Amino acid sequence: MNYEANIYRAALLRAVLGPKAIETKVHDMARLNQFAEHLVDCERARSAMHAKGYGRGASLFIEVVRQVPDNTPAMLARMFAPRTLVHYPTAARKP
């Protein structure tokens, strides 16, 4: 688990068990770690979406996702498709 996930895990523990939360009171630590890592993934995705110009700082993640066009996979396929060479007819040289 990375540093950011540890921060989320500690925040979840304090929110549920109070300010003097200890990890021994947690029934399923693996599941709590999964929640924390999922929150980190969501935060990173939200930051990436903001960096690409979607949403605002205080907008919910679902609002940011709704701004993404529905045809994104097709658009990305066109953007990264191999380029076709353009062949121009050669002009006949006159002597």
PDB file of N, CA and C in Angstrom:
ATOM      1  N   MET A   1       0.850  -1.176   0.000  1.00  0.00           N
ATOM      2  CA  MET A   1       0.000   0.000   0.000  1.00  0.00           C
ATOM      3  C   MET A   1       0.894   1.237   0.000  1.00  0.00           C
ATOM      4  N   ASN A   2       0.516   2.230  -0.782  1.00  0.00           N
ATOM      5  CA  ASN A   2       1.350   3.413  -0.895  1.00  0.00           C
ATOM      6  C   ASN A   2       0.997   4.466   0.173  1.00  0.00           C
ATOM      7  N   TYR A   3       1.744   5.542   0.164  1.00  0.00           N
ATOM      8  CA  TYR A   3       1.593   6.587   1.182  1.00  0.00           C
ATOM      9  C   TYR A   3       0.203   7.221   1.158  1.00  0.00           C
ATOM     10  N   GLU A   4      -0.287   7.512  -0.041  1.00  0.00           N
ATOM     11  CA  GLU A   4      -1.613   8.139  -0.151  1.00  0.00           C
ATOM     12  C   GLU A   4      -2.712   7.225   0.390  1.00  0.00           C
ATOM     13  N   ALA A   5      -2.610   5.932   0.099  1.00  0.00           N
ATOM     14  CA  ALA A   5      -3.604   4.981   0.588  1.00  0.00           C
ATOM     15  C   ALA A   5      -3.554   4.885   2.114  1.00  0.00           C
ATOM     16  N   ASN A   6      -2.379   4.980   2.688  1.00  0.00           N
ATOM     17  CA  ASN A   6      -2.257   4.977   4.155  1.00  0.00           C
ATOM     18  C   ASN A   6      -2.967   6.183   4.763  1.00  0.00           C
ATOM     19  N   ILE A   7      -2.881   7.321   4.100  1.00  0.00           N
ATOM     20  CA  ILE A   7      -3.554   8.526   4.593  1.00  0.00           C
ATOM     21  C   ILE A   7      -5.070   8.324   4.565  1.00  0.00           C
ATOM     22  N   TYR A   8      -5.587   7.785   3.460  1.00  0.00           N
ATOM     23  CA  TYR A   8      -7.022   7.520   3.382  1.00  0.00           C
ATOM     24  C   TYR A   8      -7.461   6.479   4.407  1.00  0.00           C
ATOM     25  N   ARG A   9      -6.649   5.450   4.598  1.00  0.00           N
ATOM     26  CA  ARG A   9      -7.002   4.416   5.575  1.00  0.00           C
ATOM     27  C   ARG A   9      -7.089   5.003   6.969  1.00  0.00           C
ATOM     28  N   ALA A  10      -6.123   5.850   7.327  1.00  0.00           N
ATOM     29  CA  ALA A  10      -6.146   6.485   8.642  1.00  0.00           C
ATOM     30  C   ALA A  10      -7.367   7.391   8.798  1.00  0.00           C
ATOM     31  N   ALA A  11      -7.726   8.109   7.744  1.00  0.00           N
ATOM     32  CA  ALA A  11      -8.898   8.983   7.801  1.00  0.00           C
ATOM     33  C   ALA A  11     -10.178   8.164   7.966  1.00  0.00           C
ATOM     34  N   LEU A  12     -10.272   7.041   7.262  1.00  0.00           N
ATOM     35  CA  LEU A  12     -11.436   6.171   7.410  1.00  0.00           C
ATOM     36  C   LEU A  12     -11.517   5.596   8.826  1.00  0.00           C
ATOM     37  N   LEU A  13     -10.390   5.172   9.351  1.00  0.00           N
ATOM     38  CA  LEU A  13     -10.377   4.642  10.717  1.00  0.00           C
ATOM     39  C   LEU A  13     -10.852   5.682  11.722  1.00  0.00           C
ATOM     40  N   ARG A  14     -10.345   6.915  11.596  1.00  0.00           N
ATOM     41  CA  ARG A  14     -10.758   7.975  12.524  1.00  0.00           C
ATOM     42  C   ARG A  14     -12.229   8.322  12.359  1.00  0.00           C
ATOM     43  N   ALA A  15     -12.720   8.293  11.124  1.00  0.00           N
ATOM     44  CA  ALA A  15     -14.128   8.631  10.886  1.00  0.00           C
ATOM     45  C   ALA A  15     -15.069   7.593  11.499  1.00  0.00           C
ATOM     46  N   VAL A  16     -14.679   6.339  11.468  1.00  0.00           N
ATOM     47  CA  VAL A  16     -15.552   5.280  11.955  1.00  0.00           C
ATOM     48  C   VAL A  16     -15.349   5.001  13.446  1.00  0.00           C
ATOM     49  N   LEU A  17     -14.093   4.936  13.869  1.00  0.00           N
ATOM     50  CA  LEU A  17     -13.801   4.516  15.234  1.00  0.00           C
ATOM     51  C   LEU A  17     -13.473   5.664  16.181  1.00  0.00           C
ATOM     52  N   GLY A  18     -13.384   6.870  15.687  1.00  0.00           N
ATOM     53  CA  GLY A  18     -13.097   8.013  16.542  1.00  0.00           C
ATOM     54  C   GLY A  18     -11.630   8.413  16.499  1.00  0.00           C
ATOM     55  N   PRO A  19     -11.283   9.473  17.257  1.00  0.00           N
ATOM     56  CA  PRO A  19      -9.927  10.022  17.171  1.00  0.00           C
ATOM     57  C   PRO A  19      -8.839   9.094  17.719  1.00  0.00           C
ATOM     58  N   LYS A  20      -9.187   8.173  18.589  1.00  0.00           N
ATOM     59  CA  LYS A  20      -8.181   7.266  19.153  1.00  0.00           C
ATOM     60  C   LYS A  20      -8.319   5.880  18.546  1.00  0.00           C
ATOM     61  N   ALA A  21      -8.495   5.837  17.233  1.00  0.00           N
ATOM     62  CA  ALA A  21      -8.712   4.571  16.530  1.00  0.00           C
ATOM     63  C   ALA A  21      -7.428   3.758  16.482  1.00  0.00           C
ATOM     64  N   ILE A  22      -7.572   2.460  16.706  1.00  0.00           N
ATOM     65  CA  ILE A  22      -6.446   1.553  16.555  1.00  0.00           C
ATOM     66  C   ILE A  22      -6.840   0.463  15.571  1.00  0.00           C
ATOM     67  N   GLU A  23      -5.851  -0.028  14.838  1.00  0.00           N
ATOM     68  CA  GLU A  23      -6.119  -0.970  13.759  1.00  0.00           C
ATOM     69  C   GLU A  23      -6.571  -2.338  14.260  1.00  0.00           C
ATOM     70  N   THR A  24      -6.323  -2.667  15.504  1.00  0.00           N
ATOM     71  CA  THR A  24      -6.721  -3.979  16.018  1.00  0.00           C
ATOM     72  C   THR A  24      -8.234  -4.114  16.139  1.00  0.00           C
ATOM     73  N   LYS A  25      -8.955  -2.997  16.132  1.00  0.00           N
ATOM     74  CA  LYS A  25     -10.418  -3.040  16.207  1.00  0.00           C
ATOM     75  C   LYS A  25     -11.075  -3.302  14.855  1.00  0.00           C
ATOM     76  N   VAL A  26     -10.298  -3.277  13.791  1.00  0.00           N
ATOM     77  CA  VAL A  26     -10.833  -3.469  12.445  1.00  0.00           C
ATOM     78  C   VAL A  26     -11.027  -4.959  12.198  1.00  0.00           C
ATOM     79  N   HIS A  27     -12.205  -5.319  11.733  1.00  0.00           N
ATOM     80  CA  HIS A  27     -12.524  -6.724  11.476  1.00  0.00           C
ATOM     81  C   HIS A  27     -11.843  -7.230  10.212  1.00  0.00           C
ATOM     82  N   ASP A  28     -11.867  -6.440   9.124  1.00  0.00           N
ATOM     83  CA  ASP A  28     -11.319  -6.868   7.833  1.00  0.00           C
ATOM     84  C   ASP A  28     -10.376  -5.782   7.302  1.00  0.00           C
ATOM     85  N   MET A  29      -9.108  -5.875   7.692  1.00  0.00           N
ATOM     86  CA  MET A  29      -8.130  -4.858   7.296  1.00  0.00           C
ATOM     87  C   MET A  29      -7.862  -4.901   5.794  1.00  0.00           C
ATOM     88  N   ALA A  30      -7.910  -6.072   5.191  1.00  0.00           N
ATOM     89  CA  ALA A  30      -7.678  -6.169   3.743  1.00  0.00           C
ATOM     90  C   ALA A  30      -8.737  -5.392   2.970  1.00  0.00           C
ATOM     91  N   ARG A  31      -9.976  -5.494   3.402  1.00  0.00           N
ATOM     92  CA  ARG A  31     -11.063  -4.762   2.720  1.00  0.00           C
ATOM     93  C   ARG A  31     -10.913  -3.261   2.923  1.00  0.00           C
ATOM     94  N   LEU A  32     -10.515  -2.851   4.112  1.00  0.00           N
ATOM     95  CA  LEU A  32     -10.278  -1.426   4.378  1.00  0.00           C
ATOM     96  C   LEU A  32      -9.153  -0.908   3.494  1.00  0.00           C
ATOM     97  N   ASN A  33      -8.106  -1.703   3.309  1.00  0.00           N
ATOM     98  CA  ASN A  33      -7.009  -1.308   2.425  1.00  0.00           C
ATOM     99  C   ASN A  33      -7.485  -1.181   0.982  1.00  0.00           C
ATOM    100  N   GLN A  34      -8.397  -2.070   0.553  1.00  0.00           N
ATOM    101  CA  GLN A  34      -8.946  -1.968  -0.797  1.00  0.00           C
ATOM    102  C   GLN A  34      -9.730  -0.672  -0.977  1.00  0.00           C
ATOM    103  N   PHE A  35     -10.511  -0.309   0.035  1.00  0.00           N
ATOM    104  CA  PHE A  35     -11.249   0.959  -0.031  1.00  0.00           C
ATOM    105  C   PHE A  35     -10.288   2.139  -0.152  1.00  0.00           C
ATOM    106  N   ALA A  36      -9.232   2.121   0.651  1.00  0.00           N
ATOM    107  CA  ALA A  36      -8.270   3.224   0.631  1.00  0.00           C
ATOM    108  C   ALA A  36      -7.571   3.324  -0.726  1.00  0.00           C
ATOM    109  N   GLU A  37      -7.166   2.183  -1.284  1.00  0.00           N
ATOM    110  CA  GLU A  37      -6.507   2.194  -2.582  1.00  0.00           C
ATOM    111  C   GLU A  37      -7.472   2.635  -3.685  1.00  0.00           C
ATOM    112  N   HIS A  38      -8.728   2.253  -3.571  1.00  0.00           N
ATOM    113  CA  HIS A  38      -9.732   2.683  -4.550  1.00  0.00           C
ATOM    114  C   HIS A  38      -9.923   4.201  -4.492  1.00  0.00           C
ATOM    115  N   LEU A  39      -9.930   4.760  -3.302  1.00  0.00           N
ATOM    116  CA  LEU A  39     -10.038   6.214  -3.170  1.00  0.00           C
ATOM    117  C   LEU A  39      -8.855   6.917  -3.813  1.00  0.00           C
ATOM    118  N   VAL A  40      -7.669   6.363  -3.661  1.00  0.00           N
ATOM    119  CA  VAL A  40      -6.486   6.949  -4.295  1.00  0.00           C
ATOM    120  C   VAL A  40      -6.628   6.898  -5.815  1.00  0.00           C
ATOM    121  N   ASP A  41      -7.077   5.761  -6.360  1.00  0.00           N
ATOM    122  CA  ASP A  41      -7.279   5.648  -7.804  1.00  0.00           C
ATOM    123  C   ASP A  41      -8.287   6.675  -8.306  1.00  0.00           C
ATOM    124  N   CYS A  42      -9.378   6.842  -7.566  1.00  0.00           N
ATOM    125  CA  CYS A  42     -10.396   7.824  -7.958  1.00  0.00           C
ATOM    126  C   CYS A  42      -9.844   9.237  -7.935  1.00  0.00           C
ATOM    127  N   GLU A  43      -9.073   9.551  -6.923  1.00  0.00           N
ATOM    128  CA  GLU A  43      -8.497  10.895  -6.823  1.00  0.00           C
ATOM    129  C   GLU A  43      -7.507  11.159  -7.957  1.00  0.00           C
ATOM    130  N   ARG A  44      -6.727  10.158  -8.302  1.00  0.00           N
ATOM    131  CA  ARG A  44      -5.786  10.315  -9.423  1.00  0.00           C
ATOM    132  C   ARG A  44      -6.535  10.477 -10.746  1.00  0.00           C
ATOM    133  N   ALA A  45      -7.597   9.702 -10.938  1.00  0.00           N
ATOM    134  CA  ALA A  45      -8.392   9.828 -12.166  1.00  0.00           C
ATOM    135  C   ALA A  45      -9.028  11.205 -12.248  1.00  0.00           C
ATOM    136  N   ARG A  46      -9.543  11.685 -11.138  1.00  0.00           N
ATOM    137  CA  ARG A  46     -10.157  13.016 -11.114  1.00  0.00           C
ATOM    138  C   ARG A  46      -9.120  14.089 -11.436  1.00  0.00           C
ATOM    139  N   SER A  47      -7.925  13.961 -10.873  1.00  0.00           N
ATOM    140  CA  SER A  47      -6.865  14.931 -11.161  1.00  0.00           C
ATOM    141  C   SER A  47      -6.477  14.906 -12.634  1.00  0.00           C
ATOM    142  N   ALA A  48      -6.413  13.708 -13.214  1.00  0.00           N
ATOM    143  CA  ALA A  48      -6.073  13.598 -14.637  1.00  0.00           C
ATOM    144  C   ALA A  48      -7.156  14.232 -15.502  1.00  0.00           C
ATOM    145  N   MET A  49      -8.413  14.031 -15.128  1.00  0.00           N
ATOM    146  CA  MET A  49      -9.504  14.637 -15.887  1.00  0.00           C
ATOM    147  C   MET A  49      -9.454  16.161 -15.787  1.00  0.00           C
ATOM    148  N   HIS A  50      -9.150  16.679 -14.606  1.00  0.00           N
ATOM    149  CA  HIS A  50      -9.024  18.131 -14.448  1.00  0.00           C
ATOM    150  C   HIS A  50      -7.866  18.664 -15.287  1.00  0.00           C
ATOM    151  N   ALA A  51      -6.773  17.923 -15.323  1.00  0.00           N
ATOM    152  CA  ALA A  51      -5.612  18.361 -16.107  1.00  0.00           C
ATOM    153  C   ALA A  51      -5.931  18.413 -17.595  1.00  0.00           C
ATOM    154  N   LYS A  52      -6.855  17.586 -18.051  1.00  0.00           N
ATOM    155  CA  LYS A  52      -7.252  17.591 -19.459  1.00  0.00           C
ATOM    156  C   LYS A  52      -8.359  18.585 -19.758  1.00  0.00           C
ATOM    157  N   GLY A  53      -8.774  19.342 -18.750  1.00  0.00           N
ATOM    158  CA  GLY A  53      -9.739  20.404 -18.977  1.00  0.00           C
ATOM    159  C   GLY A  53     -11.175  20.057 -18.659  1.00  0.00           C
ATOM    160  N   TYR A  54     -11.428  18.923 -18.067  1.00  0.00           N
ATOM    161  CA  TYR A  54     -12.793  18.529 -17.720  1.00  0.00           C
ATOM    162  C   TYR A  54     -13.071  18.909 -16.265  1.00  0.00           C
ATOM    163  N   GLY A  55     -14.229  19.493 -16.022  1.00  0.00           N
ATOM    164  CA  GLY A  55     -14.650  19.815 -14.666  1.00  0.00           C
ATOM    165  C   GLY A  55     -13.939  21.014 -14.073  1.00  0.00           C
ATOM    166  N   ARG A  56     -14.326  21.306 -12.857  1.00  0.00           N
ATOM    167  CA  ARG A  56     -13.712  22.393 -12.097  1.00  0.00           C
ATOM    168  C   ARG A  56     -13.225  21.815 -10.781  1.00  0.00           C
ATOM    169  N   GLY A  57     -12.554  22.623  -9.999  1.00  0.00           N
ATOM    170  CA  GLY A  57     -11.974  22.139  -8.758  1.00  0.00           C
ATOM    171  C   GLY A  57     -12.955  21.566  -7.770  1.00  0.00           C
ATOM    172  N   ALA A  58     -14.140  22.143  -7.662  1.00  0.00           N
ATOM    173  CA  ALA A  58     -15.108  21.693  -6.665  1.00  0.00           C
ATOM    174  C   ALA A  58     -16.177  20.765  -7.244  1.00  0.00           C
ATOM    175  N   SER A  59     -16.044  20.379  -8.505  1.00  0.00           N
ATOM    176  CA  SER A  59     -17.075  19.538  -9.107  1.00  0.00           C
ATOM    177  C   SER A  59     -16.922  18.083  -8.661  1.00  0.00           C
ATOM    178  N   LEU A  60     -18.049  17.403  -8.600  1.00  0.00           N
ATOM    179  CA  LEU A  60     -18.027  15.991  -8.250  1.00  0.00           C
ATOM    180  C   LEU A  60     -17.442  15.188  -9.405  1.00  0.00           C
ATOM    181  N   PHE A  61     -16.898  14.021  -9.073  1.00  0.00           N
ATOM    182  CA  PHE A  61     -16.262  13.207 -10.108  1.00  0.00           C
ATOM    183  C   PHE A  61     -17.265  12.778 -11.174  1.00  0.00           C
ATOM    184  N   ILE A  62     -18.485  12.469 -10.770  1.00  0.00           N
ATOM    185  CA  ILE A  62     -19.485  12.044 -11.742  1.00  0.00           C
ATOM    186  C   ILE A  62     -19.829  13.188 -12.701  1.00  0.00           C
ATOM    187  N   GLU A  63     -19.787  14.426 -12.219  1.00  0.00           N
ATOM    188  CA  GLU A  63     -20.016  15.574 -13.099  1.00  0.00           C
ATOM    189  C   GLU A  63     -18.877  15.723 -14.098  1.00  0.00           C
ATOM    190  N   VAL A  64     -17.673  15.445 -13.662  1.00  0.00           N
ATOM    191  CA  VAL A  64     -16.522  15.518 -14.557  1.00  0.00           C
ATOM    192  C   VAL A  64     -16.635  14.454 -15.639  1.00  0.00           C
ATOM    193  N   VAL A  65     -17.002  13.244 -15.258  1.00  0.00           N
ATOM    194  CA  VAL A  65     -17.110  12.142 -16.216  1.00  0.00           C
ATOM    195  C   VAL A  65     -18.220  12.407 -17.227  1.00  0.00           C
ATOM    196  N   ARG A  66     -19.286  13.036 -16.801  1.00  0.00           N
ATOM    197  CA  ARG A  66     -20.395  13.321 -17.726  1.00  0.00           C
ATOM    198  C   ARG A  66     -19.988  14.308 -18.812  1.00  0.00           C
ATOM    199  N   GLN A  67     -18.941  15.084 -18.596  1.00  0.00           N
ATOM    200  CA  GLN A  67     -18.486  16.043 -19.603  1.00  0.00           C
ATOM    201  C   GLN A  67     -17.681  15.391 -20.714  1.00  0.00           C
ATOM    202  N   VAL A  68     -17.218  14.176 -20.491  1.00  0.00           N
ATOM    203  CA  VAL A  68     -16.422  13.480 -21.497  1.00  0.00           C
ATOM    204  C   VAL A  68     -17.359  13.013 -22.607  1.00  0.00           C
ATOM    205  N   PRO A  69     -16.997  13.236 -23.860  1.00  0.00           N
ATOM    206  CA  PRO A  69     -17.865  12.815 -24.958  1.00  0.00           C
ATOM    207  C   PRO A  69     -18.099  11.301 -24.954  1.00  0.00           C
ATOM    208  N   ASP A  70     -19.262  10.888 -25.413  1.00  0.00           N
ATOM    209  CA  ASP A  70     -19.599   9.467 -25.433  1.00  0.00           C
ATOM    210  C   ASP A  70     -18.784   8.680 -26.450  1.00  0.00           C
ATOM    211  N   ASN A  71     -18.325   9.321 -27.490  1.00  0.00           N
ATOM    212  CA  ASN A  71     -17.602   8.614 -28.541  1.00  0.00           C
ATOM    213  C   ASN A  71     -16.093   8.637 -28.307  1.00  0.00           C
ATOM    214  N   THR A  72     -15.670   8.724 -27.078  1.00  0.00           N
ATOM    215  CA  THR A  72     -14.243   8.817 -26.776  1.00  0.00           C
ATOM    216  C   THR A  72     -13.446   7.634 -27.319  1.00  0.00           C
ATOM    217  N   PRO A  73     -13.875   6.363 -27.174  1.00  0.00           N
ATOM    218  CA  PRO A  73     -13.064   5.275 -27.740  1.00  0.00           C
ATOM    219  C   PRO A  73     -12.873   5.395 -29.248  1.00  0.00           C
ATOM    220  N   ALA A  74     -13.929   5.762 -29.966  1.00  0.00           N
ATOM    221  CA  ALA A  74     -13.802   5.917 -31.415  1.00  0.00           C
ATOM    222  C   ALA A  74     -12.892   7.092 -31.753  1.00  0.00           C
ATOM    223  N   MET A  75     -13.011   8.160 -30.986  1.00  0.00           N
ATOM    224  CA  MET A  75     -12.183   9.327 -31.220  1.00  0.00           C
ATOM    225  C   MET A  75     -10.705   8.996 -30.971  1.00  0.00           C
ATOM    226  N   LEU A  76     -10.434   8.268 -29.899  1.00  0.00           N
ATOM    227  CA  LEU A  76      -9.050   7.882 -29.599  1.00  0.00           C
ATOM    228  C   LEU A  76      -8.503   6.934 -30.669  1.00  0.00           C
ATOM    229  N   ALA A  77      -9.337   6.037 -31.169  1.00  0.00           N
ATOM    230  CA  ALA A  77      -8.893   5.124 -32.227  1.00  0.00           C
ATOM    231  C   ALA A  77      -8.512   5.902 -33.478  1.00  0.00           C
ATOM    232  N   ARG A  78      -9.299   6.930 -33.803  1.00  0.00           N
ATOM    233  CA  ARG A  78      -8.955   7.755 -34.968  1.00  0.00           C
ATOM    234  C   ARG A  78      -7.684   8.558 -34.727  1.00  0.00           C
ATOM    235  N   MET A  79      -7.520   9.059 -33.507  1.00  0.00           N
ATOM    236  CA  MET A  79      -6.357   9.889 -33.212  1.00  0.00           C
ATOM    237  C   MET A  79      -5.055   9.090 -33.295  1.00  0.00           C
ATOM    238  N   PHE A  80      -5.096   7.826 -32.856  1.00  0.00           N
ATOM    239  CA  PHE A  80      -3.883   7.028 -32.799  1.00  0.00           C
ATOM    240  C   PHE A  80      -3.791   6.000 -33.920  1.00  0.00           C
ATOM    241  N   ALA A  81      -4.642   6.120 -34.917  1.00  0.00           N
ATOM    242  CA  ALA A  81      -4.580   5.218 -36.063  1.00  0.00           C
ATOM    243  C   ALA A  81      -3.325   5.530 -36.875  1.00  0.00           C
ATOM    244  N   PRO A  82      -2.797   4.526 -37.541  1.00  0.00           N
ATOM    245  CA  PRO A  82      -1.611   4.792 -38.365  1.00  0.00           C
ATOM    246  C   PRO A  82      -1.934   5.790 -39.475  1.00  0.00           C
ATOM    247  N   ARG A  83      -0.999   6.643 -39.721  1.00  0.00           N
ATOM    248  CA  ARG A  83      -1.184   7.663 -40.752  1.00  0.00           C
ATOM    249  C   ARG A  83      -1.073   7.030 -42.136  1.00  0.00           C
ATOM    250  N   THR A  84      -1.897   7.488 -43.025  1.00  0.00           N
ATOM    251  CA  THR A  84      -1.802   7.024 -44.407  1.00  0.00           C
ATOM    252  C   THR A  84      -0.997   8.039 -45.192  1.00  0.00           C
ATOM    253  N   LEU A  85      -0.167   7.531 -46.051  1.00  0.00           N
ATOM    254  CA  LEU A  85       0.660   8.411 -46.873  1.00  0.00           C
ATOM    255  C   LEU A  85      -0.177   9.016 -47.989  1.00  0.00           C
ATOM    256  N   VAL A  86       0.076  10.265 -48.236  1.00  0.00           N
ATOM    257  CA  VAL A  86      -0.622  10.956 -49.312  1.00  0.00           C
ATOM    258  C   VAL A  86       0.303  10.963 -50.526  1.00  0.00           C
ATOM    259  N   HIS A  87      -0.192  10.446 -51.644  1.00  0.00           N
ATOM    260  CA  HIS A  87       0.586  10.422 -52.881  1.00  0.00           C
ATOM    261  C   HIS A  87       0.024  11.464 -53.832  1.00  0.00           C
ATOM    262  N   TYR A  88       0.842  12.407 -54.176  1.00  0.00           N
ATOM    263  CA  TYR A  88       0.438  13.432 -55.124  1.00  0.00           C
ATOM    264  C   TYR A  88       0.908  12.992 -56.510  1.00  0.00           C
ATOM    265  N   PRO A  89       0.097  13.270 -57.519  1.00  0.00           N
ATOM    266  CA  PRO A  89       0.542  12.912 -58.877  1.00  0.00           C
ATOM    267  C   PRO A  89       1.758  13.749 -59.246  1.00  0.00           C
ATOM    268  N   THR A  90       2.703  13.099 -59.847  1.00  0.00           N
ATOM    269  CA  THR A  90       3.924  13.811 -60.241  1.00  0.00           C
ATOM    270  C   THR A  90       3.645  14.587 -61.533  1.00  0.00           C
ATOM    271  N   ALA A  91       4.152  15.762 -61.573  1.00  0.00           N
ATOM    272  CA  ALA A  91       3.970  16.590 -62.761  1.00  0.00           C
ATOM    273  C   ALA A  91       4.963  16.114 -63.845  1.00  0.00           C
ATOM    274  N   ALA A  92       4.466  15.976 -65.038  1.00  0.00           N
ATOM    275  CA  ALA A  92       5.319  15.528 -66.150  1.00  0.00           C
ATOM    276  C   ALA A  92       6.271  16.664 -66.500  1.00  0.00           C
ATOM    277  N   ARG A  93       7.541  16.327 -66.589  1.00  0.00           N
ATOM    278  CA  ARG A  93       8.550  17.331 -66.919  1.00  0.00           C
ATOM    279  C   ARG A  93       8.598  17.518 -68.432  1.00  0.00           C
ATOM    280  N   LYS A  94       8.598  18.750 -68.815  1.00  0.00           N
ATOM    281  CA  LYS A  94       8.708  19.064 -70.232  1.00  0.00           C
ATOM    282  C   LYS A  94      10.159  19.408 -70.540  1.00  0.00           C
ATOM    283  N   PRO A  95      10.681  18.859 -71.635  1.00  0.00           N
ATOM    284  CA  PRO A  95      12.071  19.159 -71.972  1.00  0.00           C
ATOM    285  C   PRO A  95      12.284  20.528 -72.547  1.00  0.00           C
TER     286      PRO A  95
END
